[in-house]
PDB file of N, CA and C in Angstrom:
ATOM      1  N   MET A   1     218.833  89.952 167.399  1.00  0.00           N
ATOM      2  CA  MET A   1     220.510  89.673 167.909  1.00  0.00           C
ATOM      3  C   MET A   1     221.402  90.904 166.842  1.00  0.00           C
ATOM      4  N   GLU A   2     220.972  91.420 166.290  1.00  0.00           N
ATOM      5  CA  GLU A   2     221.857  92.415 165.365  1.00  0.00           C
ATOM      6  C   GLU A   2     221.869  93.673 166.505  1.00  0.00           C
ATOM      7  N   PRO A   3     223.485  94.069 165.982  1.00  0.00           N
ATOM      8  CA  PRO A   3     223.794  93.734 165.672  1.00  0.00           C
ATOM      9  C   PRO A   3     225.001  92.546 165.236  1.00  0.00           C
ATOM     10  N   ALA A   4     225.211  92.167 166.188  1.00  0.00           N
ATOM     11  CA  ALA A   4     225.927  90.516 165.644  1.00  0.00           C
ATOM     12  C   ALA A   4     225.680  89.490 164.868  1.00  0.00           C
ATOM     13  N   TYR A   5     224.142  89.198 164.540  1.00  0.00           N
ATOM     14  CA  TYR A   5     223.595  88.551 163.174  1.00  0.00           C
ATOM     15  C   TYR A   5     222.408  89.233 162.755  1.00  0.00           C
ATOM     16  N   SER A   6     222.602  89.103 161.530  1.00  0.00           N
ATOM     17  CA  SER A   6     221.294  89.848 160.705  1.00  0.00           C
ATOM     18  C   SER A   6     220.309  89.328 161.023  1.00  0.00           C
ATOM     19  N   SER A   7     218.855  89.922 160.556  1.00  0.00           N
ATOM     20  CA  SER A   7     217.541  89.480 161.067  1.00  0.00           C
ATOM     21  C   SER A   7     217.043  88.736 159.868  1.00  0.00           C
ATOM     22  N   GLY A   8     216.961  87.797 160.149  1.00  0.00           N
ATOM     23  CA  GLY A   8     216.478  86.978 158.676  1.00  0.00           C
ATOM     24  C   GLY A   8     217.238  86.303 158.020  1.00  0.00           C
ATOM     25  N   GLY A   9     218.248  85.948 158.485  1.00  0.00           N
ATOM     26  CA  GLY A   9     219.531  85.825 158.177  1.00  0.00           C
ATOM     27  C   GLY A   9     219.552  84.013 158.550  1.00  0.00           C
ATOM     28  N   TRP A  10     220.777  82.915 157.665  1.00  0.00           N
ATOM     29  CA  TRP A  10     220.406  81.731 157.978  1.00  0.00           C
ATOM     30  C   TRP A  10     221.582  81.579 158.773  1.00  0.00           C
ATOM     31  N   ASN A  11     221.547  80.807 160.267  1.00  0.00           N
ATOM     32  CA  ASN A  11     222.767  80.088 161.197  1.00  0.00           C
ATOM     33  C   ASN A  11     222.272  78.791 161.366  1.00  0.00           C
ATOM     34  N   PHE A  12     223.624  77.998 161.285  1.00  0.00           N
ATOM     35  CA  PHE A  12     223.487  76.835 161.609  1.00  0.00           C
ATOM     36  C   PHE A  12     223.815  76.579 162.951  1.00  0.00           C
ATOM     37  N   ILE A  13     223.591  76.125 164.147  1.00  0.00           N
ATOM     38  CA  ILE A  13     223.584  75.730 165.436  1.00  0.00           C
ATOM     39  C   ILE A  13     224.591  74.380 165.152  1.00  0.00           C
ATOM     40  N   TRP A  14     225.535  74.712 166.442  1.00  0.00           N
ATOM     41  CA  TRP A  14     225.580  73.006 166.869  1.00  0.00           C
ATOM     42  C   TRP A  14     225.481  72.634 168.072  1.00  0.00           C
ATOM     43  N   ARG A  15     224.895  71.448 167.795  1.00  0.00           N
ATOM     44  CA  ARG A  15     224.448  71.437 168.606  1.00  0.00           C
ATOM     45  C   ARG A  15     224.948  70.479 170.178  1.00  0.00           C
ATOM     46  N   LEU A  16     225.871  69.604 169.354  1.00  0.00           N
ATOM     47  CA  LEU A  16     226.543  69.574 170.560  1.00  0.00           C
ATOM     48  C   LEU A  16     227.568  70.561 171.488  1.00  0.00           C
ATOM     49  N   SER A  17     227.079  71.474 171.560  1.00  0.00           N
ATOM     50  CA  SER A  17     228.092  72.538 172.196  1.00  0.00           C
ATOM     51  C   SER A  17     227.797  72.652 174.129  1.00  0.00           C
ATOM     52  N   TYR A  18     226.145  72.250 174.423  1.00  0.00           N
ATOM     53  CA  TYR A  18     226.094  72.183 175.823  1.00  0.00           C
ATOM     54  C   TYR A  18     225.667  70.505 175.787  1.00  0.00           C
ATOM     55  N   LEU A  19     226.247  70.096 175.730  1.00  0.00           N
ATOM     56  CA  LEU A  19     226.167  68.572 175.666  1.00  0.00           C
ATOM     57  C   LEU A  19     226.381  67.769 177.000  1.00  0.00           C
ATOM     58  N   PHE A  20     227.858  68.670 177.417  1.00  0.00           N
ATOM     59  CA  PHE A  20     228.408  67.874 178.990  1.00  0.00           C
ATOM     60  C   PHE A  20     228.678  69.155 179.769  1.00  0.00           C
ATOM     61  N   SER A  21     228.308  70.310 179.416  1.00  0.00           N
ATOM     62  CA  SER A  21     227.954  71.698 179.795  1.00  0.00           C
ATOM     63  C   SER A  21     226.947  72.745 179.717  1.00  0.00           C
ATOM     64  N   ASP A  22     226.599  73.368 180.884  1.00  0.00           N
ATOM     65  CA  ASP A  22     225.498  74.371 180.318  1.00  0.00           C
ATOM     66  C   ASP A  22     226.006  75.622 179.957  1.00  0.00           C
ATOM     67  N   PRO A  23     225.121  76.586 179.407  1.00  0.00           N
ATOM     68  CA  PRO A  23     225.528  77.619 178.790  1.00  0.00           C
ATOM     69  C   PRO A  23     226.274  78.827 179.671  1.00  0.00           C
ATOM     70  N   GLU A  24     226.979  79.368 179.380  1.00  0.00           N
ATOM     71  CA  GLU A  24     227.529  80.806 180.655  1.00  0.00           C
ATOM     72  C   GLU A  24     227.017  81.700 179.840  1.00  0.00           C
ATOM     73  N   ARG A  25     227.242  82.818 180.907  1.00  0.00           N
ATOM     74  CA  ARG A  25     226.780  84.163 180.952  1.00  0.00           C
ATOM     75  C   ARG A  25     227.180  84.746 179.404  1.00  0.00           C
ATOM     76  N   GLY A  26     226.553  85.392 178.749  1.00  0.00           N
ATOM     77  CA  GLY A  26     227.390  86.425 177.494  1.00  0.00           C
ATOM     78  C   GLY A  26     227.568  85.236 176.271  1.00  0.00           C
ATOM     79  N   ASP A  27     227.045  84.141 176.597  1.00  0.00           N
ATOM     80  CA  ASP A  27     227.457  82.714 175.150  1.00  0.00           C
ATOM     81  C   ASP A  27     226.043  83.153 174.617  1.00  0.00           C
ATOM     82  N   VAL A  28     225.999  82.806 173.200  1.00  0.00           N
ATOM     83  CA  VAL A  28     225.204  83.059 171.955  1.00  0.00           C
ATOM     84  C   VAL A  28     224.456  82.212 171.850  1.00  0.00           C
ATOM     85  N   VAL A  29     223.031  82.041 172.065  1.00  0.00           N
ATOM     86  CA  VAL A  29     222.550  80.253 172.100  1.00  0.00           C
ATOM     87  C   VAL A  29     221.253  80.439 170.938  1.00  0.00           C
ATOM     88  N   GLY A  30     220.977  79.307 170.709  1.00  0.00           N
ATOM     89  CA  GLY A  30     219.360  79.440 169.625  1.00  0.00           C
ATOM     90  C   GLY A  30     218.571  78.617 170.490  1.00  0.00           C
ATOM     91  N   VAL A  31     217.478  79.287 170.625  1.00  0.00           N
ATOM     92  CA  VAL A  31     216.365  78.741 171.743  1.00  0.00           C
ATOM     93  C   VAL A  31     214.823  78.165 171.125  1.00  0.00           C
ATOM     94  N   ARG A  32     214.994  77.614 171.054  1.00  0.00           N
ATOM     95  CA  ARG A  32     213.371  76.489 171.026  1.00  0.00           C
ATOM     96  C   ARG A  32     212.350  77.326 171.048  1.00  0.00           C
ATOM     97  N   PHE A  33     211.549  78.137 170.214  1.00  0.00           N
ATOM     98  CA  PHE A  33     210.279  78.605 171.207  1.00  0.00           C
ATOM     99  C   PHE A  33     209.102  78.505 170.281  1.00  0.00           C
ATOM    100  N   ALA A  34     208.241  78.393 170.659  1.00  0.00           N
ATOM    101  CA  ALA A  34     206.812  78.097 170.235  1.00  0.00           C
ATOM    102  C   ALA A  34     206.638  76.705 169.948  1.00  0.00           C
ATOM    103  N   GLY A  35     207.376  75.625 170.722  1.00  0.00           N
ATOM    104  CA  GLY A  35     206.781  74.353 170.170  1.00  0.00           C
ATOM    105  C   GLY A  35     207.978  74.054 169.308  1.00  0.00           C
ATOM    106  N   GLY A  36     208.561  73.120 167.862  1.00  0.00           N
ATOM    107  CA  GLY A  36     209.611  72.947 167.593  1.00  0.00           C
ATOM    108  C   GLY A  36     209.926  73.415 166.390  1.00  0.00           C
ATOM    109  N   LYS A  37     209.144  74.583 165.809  1.00  0.00           N
ATOM    110  CA  LYS A  37     208.943  75.280 164.532  1.00  0.00           C
ATOM    111  C   LYS A  37     210.067  76.817 164.475  1.00  0.00           C
ATOM    112  N   VAL A  38     209.735  77.271 165.436  1.00  0.00           N
ATOM    113  CA  VAL A  38     210.781  78.457 165.607  1.00  0.00           C
ATOM    114  C   VAL A  38     212.010  78.284 166.786  1.00  0.00           C
ATOM    115  N   MET A  39     213.080  79.117 165.972  1.00  0.00           N
ATOM    116  CA  MET A  39     214.403  79.206 167.027  1.00  0.00           C
ATOM    117  C   MET A  39     214.741  80.580 167.129  1.00  0.00           C
ATOM    118  N   LEU A  40     214.966  81.197 167.687  1.00  0.00           N
ATOM    119  CA  LEU A  40     215.591  82.418 167.676  1.00  0.00           C
ATOM    120  C   LEU A  40     216.954  82.564 168.459  1.00  0.00           C
ATOM    121  N   LEU A  41     217.919  82.950 168.056  1.00  0.00           N
ATOM    122  CA  LEU A  41     219.276  83.321 169.013  1.00  0.00           C
ATOM    123  C   LEU A  41     219.097  84.726 169.694  1.00  0.00           C
ATOM    124  N   LYS A  42     219.530  84.140 171.030  1.00  0.00           N
ATOM    125  CA  LYS A  42     219.620  84.660 172.036  1.00  0.00           C
ATOM    126  C   LYS A  42     220.648  85.072 172.704  1.00  0.00           C
ATOM    127  N   ARG A  43     221.401  86.160 173.457  1.00  0.00           N
ATOM    128  CA  ARG A  43     222.478  85.700 174.349  1.00  0.00           C
ATOM    129  C   ARG A  43     221.841  85.482 175.844  1.00  0.00           C
ATOM    130  N   VAL A  44     222.696  84.684 176.563  1.00  0.00           N
ATOM    131  CA  VAL A  44     222.203  84.452 177.875  1.00  0.00           C
ATOM    132  C   VAL A  44     222.858  85.355 179.051  1.00  0.00           C
ATOM    133  N   VAL A  45     221.871  86.329 179.943  1.00  0.00           N
ATOM    134  CA  VAL A  45     222.444  87.376 180.233  1.00  0.00           C
ATOM    135  C   VAL A  45     222.969  86.890 181.953  1.00  0.00           C
ATOM    136  N   ALA A  46     222.244  86.030 182.270  1.00  0.00           N
ATOM    137  CA  ALA A  46     221.426  85.440 184.040  1.00  0.00           C
ATOM    138  C   ALA A  46     221.579  83.981 184.047  1.00  0.00           C
ATOM    139  N   LEU A  47     221.946  83.297 184.817  1.00  0.00           N
ATOM    140  CA  LEU A  47     222.397  81.830 185.148  1.00  0.00           C
ATOM    141  C   LEU A  47     221.228  81.708 186.269  1.00  0.00           C
ATOM    142  N   GLU A  48     220.548  80.439 186.518  1.00  0.00           N
ATOM    143  CA  GLU A  48     219.970  80.207 187.644  1.00  0.00           C
ATOM    144  C   GLU A  48     219.860  80.422 188.960  1.00  0.00           C
ATOM    145  N   GLY A  49     219.298  81.101 189.288  1.00  0.00           N
ATOM    146  CA  GLY A  49     219.287  81.729 190.962  1.00  0.00           C
ATOM    147  C   GLY A  49     220.043  82.944 190.960  1.00  0.00           C
ATOM    148  N   GLU A  50     220.244  83.600 189.325  1.00  0.00           N
ATOM    149  CA  GLU A  50     220.750  84.837 190.103  1.00  0.00           C
ATOM    150  C   GLU A  50     219.499  85.967 189.881  1.00  0.00           C
ATOM    151  N   GLU A  51     219.717  87.492 189.716  1.00  0.00           N
ATOM    152  CA  GLU A  51     218.504  88.458 189.675  1.00  0.00           C
ATOM    153  C   GLU A  51     219.142  89.298 188.632  1.00  0.00           C
ATOM    154  N   VAL A  52     218.195  89.498 188.268  1.00  0.00           N
ATOM    155  CA  VAL A  52     218.547  90.322 187.073  1.00  0.00           C
ATOM    156  C   VAL A  52     217.609  91.077 186.897  1.00  0.00           C
ATOM    157  N   GLU A  53     218.170  92.419 186.290  1.00  0.00           N
ATOM    158  CA  GLU A  53     217.401  93.557 186.492  1.00  0.00           C
ATOM    159  C   GLU A  53     217.884  95.161 185.272  1.00  0.00           C
ATOM    160  N   PHE A  54     217.172  95.621 185.037  1.00  0.00           N
ATOM    161  CA  PHE A  54     217.701  96.751 183.937  1.00  0.00           C
ATOM    162  C   PHE A  54     217.233  98.063 184.536  1.00  0.00           C
ATOM    163  N   ARG A  55     218.480  98.807 184.750  1.00  0.00           N
ATOM    164  CA  ARG A  55     218.234 100.412 185.398  1.00  0.00           C
ATOM    165  C   ARG A  55     218.318 101.396 184.042  1.00  0.00           C
ATOM    166  N   LYS A  56     217.586 102.232 183.318  1.00  0.00           N
ATOM    167  CA  LYS A  56     217.659 103.221 182.410  1.00  0.00           C
ATOM    168  C   LYS A  56     218.826 102.490 181.303  1.00  0.00           C
ATOM    169  N   GLY A  57     218.459 101.346 180.869  1.00  0.00           N
ATOM    170  CA  GLY A  57     219.163 100.754 179.725  1.00  0.00           C
ATOM    171  C   GLY A  57     220.380  99.871 180.055  1.00  0.00           C
ATOM    172  N   SER A  58     221.047  99.685 181.494  1.00  0.00           N
ATOM    173  CA  SER A  58     222.113  99.224 181.663  1.00  0.00           C
ATOM    174  C   SER A  58     221.329  97.991 182.437  1.00  0.00           C
ATOM    175  N   LEU A  59     222.472  96.565 182.439  1.00  0.00           N
ATOM    176  CA  LEU A  59     221.747  95.274 183.051  1.00  0.00           C
ATOM    177  C   LEU A  59     222.564  95.232 184.468  1.00  0.00           C
ATOM    178  N   PHE A  60     221.902  94.743 184.985  1.00  0.00           N
ATOM    179  CA  PHE A  60     222.693  94.581 186.425  1.00  0.00           C
ATOM    180  C   PHE A  60     222.355  92.906 186.864  1.00  0.00           C
ATOM    181  N   ILE A  61     223.206  92.028 187.329  1.00  0.00           N
ATOM    182  CA  ILE A  61     222.970  91.025 188.454  1.00  0.00           C
ATOM    183  C   ILE A  61     223.763  91.068 189.580  1.00  0.00           C
ATOM    184  N   ASN A  62     222.391  90.335 190.274  1.00  0.00           N
ATOM    185  CA  ASN A  62     222.417  90.565 191.104  1.00  0.00           C
ATOM    186  C   ASN A  62     223.402  91.742 192.303  1.00  0.00           C
ATOM    187  N   GLY A  63     222.717  93.007 191.769  1.00  0.00           N
ATOM    188  CA  GLY A  63     222.824  93.998 192.155  1.00  0.00           C
ATOM    189  C   GLY A  63     224.147  95.030 191.136  1.00  0.00           C
ATOM    190  N   LEU A  64     225.003  94.528 190.812  1.00  0.00           N
ATOM    191  CA  LEU A  64     226.048  94.610 189.900  1.00  0.00           C
ATOM    192  C   LEU A  64     226.053  95.224 188.150  1.00  0.00           C
ATOM    193  N   GLU A  65     226.805  96.119 188.036  1.00  0.00           N
ATOM    194  CA  GLU A  65     226.261  96.782 186.915  1.00  0.00           C
ATOM    195  C   GLU A  65     227.140  95.624 185.779  1.00  0.00           C
ATOM    196  N   ILE A  66     226.341  95.173 184.478  1.00  0.00           N
ATOM    197  CA  ILE A  66     227.253  94.333 183.525  1.00  0.00           C
ATOM    198  C   ILE A  66     227.962  95.299 182.806  1.00  0.00           C
ATOM    199  N   ASP A  67     229.049  95.030 182.603  1.00  0.00           N
ATOM    200  CA  ASP A  67     229.688  95.424 181.296  1.00  0.00           C
ATOM    201  C   ASP A  67     229.549  94.999 179.620  1.00  0.00           C
ATOM    202  N   GLU A  68     228.886  95.401 179.031  1.00  0.00           N
ATOM    203  CA  GLU A  68     228.356  94.305 177.709  1.00  0.00           C
ATOM    204  C   GLU A  68     228.746  95.248 176.183  1.00  0.00           C
ATOM    205  N   ALA A  69     230.078  94.862 176.119  1.00  0.00           N
ATOM    206  CA  ALA A  69     230.714  96.048 175.390  1.00  0.00           C
ATOM    207  C   ALA A  69     230.248  95.072 174.354  1.00  0.00           C
ATOM    208  N   TYR A  70     229.831  94.372 173.613  1.00  0.00           N
ATOM    209  CA  TYR A  70     228.979  93.524 172.559  1.00  0.00           C
ATOM    210  C   TYR A  70     227.883  94.190 171.865  1.00  0.00           C
ATOM    211  N   LEU A  71     226.801  95.201 172.924  1.00  0.00           N
ATOM    212  CA  LEU A  71     225.803  96.319 172.649  1.00  0.00           C
ATOM    213  C   LEU A  71     226.524  97.337 171.737  1.00  0.00           C
ATOM    214  N   LYS A  72     226.180  97.958 170.338  1.00  0.00           N
ATOM    215  CA  LYS A  72     226.021  98.673 169.185  1.00  0.00           C
ATOM    216  C   LYS A  72     225.013 100.201 170.134  1.00  0.00           C
ATOM    217  N   TYR A  73     223.679  99.292 170.216  1.00  0.00           N
ATOM    218  CA  TYR A  73     223.083 100.388 170.518  1.00  0.00           C
ATOM    219  C   TYR A  73     222.516  99.846 172.654  1.00  0.00           C
ATOM    220  N   ARG A  74     222.201 100.979 173.210  1.00  0.00           N
ATOM    221  CA  ARG A  74     221.250 100.719 174.871  1.00  0.00           C
ATOM    222  C   ARG A  74     220.163 101.638 174.484  1.00  0.00           C
ATOM    223  N   GLY A  75     219.465 101.013 174.767  1.00  0.00           N
ATOM    224  CA  GLY A  75     217.919 101.799 175.374  1.00  0.00           C
ATOM    225  C   GLY A  75     217.578 102.308 176.465  1.00  0.00           C
ATOM    226  N   ASN A  76     216.692 102.443 176.660  1.00  0.00           N
ATOM    227  CA  ASN A  76     216.051 103.017 178.020  1.00  0.00           C
ATOM    228  C   ASN A  76     215.282 102.069 178.978  1.00  0.00           C
ATOM    229  N   TRP A  77     215.702 100.545 178.698  1.00  0.00           N
ATOM    230  CA  TRP A  77     215.029  99.868 179.307  1.00  0.00           C
ATOM    231  C   TRP A  77     215.030  99.650 181.068  1.00  0.00           C
ATOM    232  N   GLN A  78     214.018  99.541 181.219  1.00  0.00           N
ATOM    233  CA  GLN A  78     214.045  99.406 182.823  1.00  0.00           C
ATOM    234  C   GLN A  78     213.129  98.107 182.704  1.00  0.00           C
ATOM    235  N   LEU A  79     213.178  97.075 184.005  1.00  0.00           N
ATOM    236  CA  LEU A  79     212.754  96.453 184.160  1.00  0.00           C
ATOM    237  C   LEU A  79     213.141  95.552 185.651  1.00  0.00           C
ATOM    238  N   PRO A  80     212.254  95.489 186.118  1.00  0.00           N
ATOM    239  CA  PRO A  80     212.417  94.988 188.245  1.00  0.00           C
ATOM    240  C   PRO A  80     212.764  94.289 188.445  1.00  0.00           C
ATOM    241  N   PRO A  81     213.748  93.871 189.126  1.00  0.00           N
ATOM    242  CA  PRO A  81     214.714  92.979 189.469  1.00  0.00           C
ATOM    243  C   PRO A  81     214.003  91.059 189.814  1.00  0.00           C
ATOM    244  N   ARG A  82     213.849  90.684 188.911  1.00  0.00           N
ATOM    245  CA  ARG A  82     213.493  89.276 188.750  1.00  0.00           C
ATOM    246  C   ARG A  82     214.553  88.420 189.674  1.00  0.00           C
ATOM    247  N   ARG A  83     213.792  86.793 190.175  1.00  0.00           N
ATOM    248  CA  ARG A  83     215.096  85.727 190.074  1.00  0.00           C
ATOM    249  C   ARG A  83     214.864  85.135 188.960  1.00  0.00           C
ATOM    250  N   VAL A  84     215.821  84.512 188.511  1.00  0.00           N
ATOM    251  CA  VAL A  84     216.111  83.381 187.694  1.00  0.00           C
ATOM    252  C   VAL A  84     215.826  81.546 188.248  1.00  0.00           C
ATOM    253  N   LYS A  85     214.695  81.325 187.722  1.00  0.00           N
ATOM    254  CA  LYS A  85     214.426  79.563 188.655  1.00  0.00           C
ATOM    255  C   LYS A  85     215.090  78.680 187.975  1.00  0.00           C
ATOM    256  N   ARG A  86     215.183  78.108 189.002  1.00  0.00           N
ATOM    257  CA  ARG A  86     216.357  76.436 188.785  1.00  0.00           C
ATOM    258  C   ARG A  86     216.040  75.750 187.344  1.00  0.00           C
ATOM    259  N   GLY A  87     217.272  75.751 186.838  1.00  0.00           N
ATOM    260  CA  GLY A  87     216.318  74.607 185.676  1.00  0.00           C
ATOM    261  C   GLY A  87     216.543  75.757 184.158  1.00  0.00           C
ATOM    262  N   ASN A  88     216.953  77.168 184.393  1.00  0.00           N
ATOM    263  CA  ASN A  88     216.473  78.447 183.842  1.00  0.00           C
ATOM    264  C   ASN A  88     217.963  79.172 183.432  1.00  0.00           C
ATOM    265  N   VAL A  89     217.537  80.073 182.399  1.00  0.00           N
ATOM    266  CA  VAL A  89     218.830  81.048 182.212  1.00  0.00           C
ATOM    267  C   VAL A  89     217.682  81.811 181.621  1.00  0.00           C
ATOM    268  N   TYR A  90     218.346  83.048 181.625  1.00  0.00           N
ATOM    269  CA  TYR A  90     217.749  84.383 181.083  1.00  0.00           C
ATOM    270  C   TYR A  90     218.215  84.608 179.697  1.00  0.00           C
ATOM    271  N   VAL A  91     217.578  85.060 178.518  1.00  0.00           N
ATOM    272  CA  VAL A  91     218.167  85.225 177.224  1.00  0.00           C
ATOM    273  C   VAL A  91     217.493  86.609 177.003  1.00  0.00           C
ATOM    274  N   ILE A  92     218.197  87.381 176.571  1.00  0.00           N
ATOM    275  CA  ILE A  92     217.438  88.383 175.804  1.00  0.00           C
ATOM    276  C   ILE A  92     218.357  88.737 174.032  1.00  0.00           C
ATOM    277  N   GLY A  93     217.760  89.855 173.566  1.00  0.00           N
ATOM    278  CA  GLY A  93     218.795  89.698 172.301  1.00  0.00           C
ATOM    279  C   GLY A  93     219.725  90.823 172.307  1.00  0.00           C
ATOM    280  N   ASP A  94     220.420  91.172 171.416  1.00  0.00           N
ATOM    281  CA  ASP A  94     221.414  92.756 171.424  1.00  0.00           C
ATOM    282  C   ASP A  94     220.950  93.360 171.383  1.00  0.00           C
ATOM    283  N   ASN A  95     220.096  93.775 170.435  1.00  0.00           N
ATOM    284  CA  ASN A  95     219.537  94.886 169.595  1.00  0.00           C
ATOM    285  C   ASN A  95     218.559  95.613 170.441  1.00  0.00           C
ATOM    286  N   ARG A  96     219.327  96.475 171.619  1.00  0.00           N
ATOM    287  CA  ARG A  96     218.602  97.203 172.527  1.00  0.00           C
ATOM    288  C   ARG A  96     217.728  98.115 172.609  1.00  0.00           C
ATOM    289  N   GLY A  97     218.093  98.941 171.160  1.00  0.00           N
ATOM    290  CA  GLY A  97     217.971 100.216 171.034  1.00  0.00           C
ATOM    291  C   GLY A  97     216.458 100.730 170.482  1.00  0.00           C
ATOM    292  N   VAL A  98     215.579  99.362 170.144  1.00  0.00           N
ATOM    293  CA  VAL A  98     214.467  99.602 170.210  1.00  0.00           C
ATOM    294  C   VAL A  98     213.577  98.883 171.293  1.00  0.00           C
ATOM    295  N   PRO A  99     212.287  99.670 171.568  1.00  0.00           N
ATOM    296  CA  PRO A  99     211.352  99.593 172.696  1.00  0.00           C
ATOM    297  C   PRO A  99     211.426  98.387 172.976  1.00  0.00           C
ATOM    298  N   MET A 100     211.458  98.079 174.437  1.00  0.00           N
ATOM    299  CA  MET A 100     211.468  96.746 175.326  1.00  0.00           C
ATOM    300  C   MET A 100     210.022  95.843 174.756  1.00  0.00           C
ATOM    301  N   ARG A 101     209.110  96.282 174.726  1.00  0.00           N
ATOM    302  CA  ARG A 101     207.796  95.646 174.348  1.00  0.00           C
ATOM    303  C   ARG A 101     207.763  94.957 172.880  1.00  0.00           C
ATOM    304  N   ASN A 102     209.371  95.137 172.135  1.00  0.00           N
ATOM    305  CA  ASN A 102     209.068  94.666 171.034  1.00  0.00           C
ATOM    306  C   ASN A 102     210.274  93.483 170.979  1.00  0.00           C
ATOM    307  N   HIS A 103     210.671  92.960 171.872  1.00  0.00           N
ATOM    308  CA  HIS A 103     212.053  91.683 172.174  1.00  0.00           C
ATOM    309  C   HIS A 103     211.161  90.805 173.305  1.00  0.00           C
ATOM    310  N   THR A 104     211.458  89.287 172.413  1.00  0.00           N
ATOM    311  CA  THR A 104     210.876  88.329 172.822  1.00  0.00           C
ATOM    312  C   THR A 104     212.209  88.022 173.677  1.00  0.00           C
ATOM    313  N   PHE A 105     212.149  87.634 175.220  1.00  0.00           N
ATOM    314  CA  PHE A 105     212.952  87.282 176.475  1.00  0.00           C
ATOM    315  C   PHE A 105     212.803  87.147 177.168  1.00  0.00           C
ATOM    316  N   GLY A 106     213.649  86.757 178.011  1.00  0.00           N
ATOM    317  CA  GLY A 106     213.268  86.315 179.591  1.00  0.00           C
ATOM    318  C   GLY A 106     213.873  85.211 180.099  1.00  0.00           C
ATOM    319  N   GLN A 107     213.540  84.731 180.680  1.00  0.00           N
ATOM    320  CA  GLN A 107     213.903  82.837 181.553  1.00  0.00           C
ATOM    321  C   GLN A 107     213.072  82.334 180.842  1.00  0.00           C
ATOM    322  N   THR A 108     214.052  80.927 180.196  1.00  0.00           N
ATOM    323  CA  THR A 108     213.860  80.218 179.846  1.00  0.00           C
ATOM    324  C   THR A 108     214.506  78.669 179.902  1.00  0.00           C
ATOM    325  N   PRO A 109     213.455  77.385 179.684  1.00  0.00           N
ATOM    326  CA  PRO A 109     214.300  76.538 180.242  1.00  0.00           C
ATOM    327  C   PRO A 109     215.253  75.948 179.810  1.00  0.00           C
ATOM    328  N   ILE A 110     216.702  75.525 180.341  1.00  0.00           N
ATOM    329  CA  ILE A 110     217.729  75.170 180.041  1.00  0.00           C
ATOM    330  C   ILE A 110     217.519  73.870 178.652  1.00  0.00           C
ATOM    331  N   LYS A 111     217.076  73.589 179.425  1.00  0.00           N
ATOM    332  CA  LYS A 111     216.476  72.203 178.008  1.00  0.00           C
ATOM    333  C   LYS A 111     215.894  72.430 176.371  1.00  0.00           C
ATOM    334  N   ARG A 112     215.458  73.832 176.150  1.00  0.00           N
ATOM    335  CA  ARG A 112     214.979  74.101 175.180  1.00  0.00           C
ATOM    336  C   ARG A 112     216.018  74.907 174.261  1.00  0.00           C
ATOM    337  N   ILE A 113     217.444  74.886 175.104  1.00  0.00           N
ATOM    338  CA  ILE A 113     218.561  75.535 174.108  1.00  0.00           C
ATOM    339  C   ILE A 113     218.823  74.650 173.519  1.00  0.00           C
ATOM    340  N   LEU A 114     219.405  74.982 171.902  1.00  0.00           N
ATOM    341  CA  LEU A 114     219.775  73.715 170.985  1.00  0.00           C
ATOM    342  C   LEU A 114     220.904  73.352 171.062  1.00  0.00           C
ATOM    343  N   GLY A 115     221.572  74.788 171.266  1.00  0.00           N
ATOM    344  CA  GLY A 115     223.062  74.639 170.879  1.00  0.00           C
ATOM    345  C   GLY A 115     223.454  76.370 170.613  1.00  0.00           C
ATOM    346  N   ALA A 116     224.869  76.268 170.375  1.00  0.00           N
ATOM    347  CA  ALA A 116     225.594  77.374 169.641  1.00  0.00           C
ATOM    348  C   ALA A 116     225.706  77.750 168.345  1.00  0.00           C
ATOM    349  N   PRO A 117     225.508  78.822 167.780  1.00  0.00           N
ATOM    350  CA  PRO A 117     225.942  79.463 166.471  1.00  0.00           C
ATOM    351  C   PRO A 117     227.082  79.032 166.021  1.00  0.00           C
ATOM    352  N   LEU A 118     226.964  78.457 164.513  1.00  0.00           N
ATOM    353  CA  LEU A 118     228.387  78.182 164.161  1.00  0.00           C
ATOM    354  C   LEU A 118     228.751  79.465 163.470  1.00  0.00           C
ATOM    355  N   PHE A 119     230.452  79.993 163.525  1.00  0.00           N
ATOM    356  CA  PHE A 119     230.574  80.999 163.012  1.00  0.00           C
ATOM    357  C   PHE A 119     231.208  80.665 161.872  1.00  0.00           C
TER     358      PHE A 119
END
C-alpha cells in the first residue's frame, strides 16, 4: 500500500467499520489472507457485479477510466476484463510502479475484510 502506508509497519484495524455496511470503492481495508495468520492492507477498486480491467496501467470499471488521485506511481499493467462475483470486491495495493506479478490482488469475499485502518 505504499506510499499511503509503509511496508512492514504496524496498523490498527477498526473492526466495526463495516458492521452495518459493505466497503465502497476507494476504501482501504484490512483483508485476511492465508487463513487467519496474514492480513494485508488493500484498496477496494471494484464492487460485486462490476467489470474491472487494467489498460496500460489505467484502471477501468465497466469500461470507464477511473481517476486514482491517490496513486504516486502508475505501472504499465494489463489485465483483461473480469466481472466481480456476488459477495466479493476487487482489491489491489496502491504501489503500482512494480510489476503486476509481484502483487497480491484480485477478488476477495467481503467476509474476509476485517475492517478499515485507524488513522
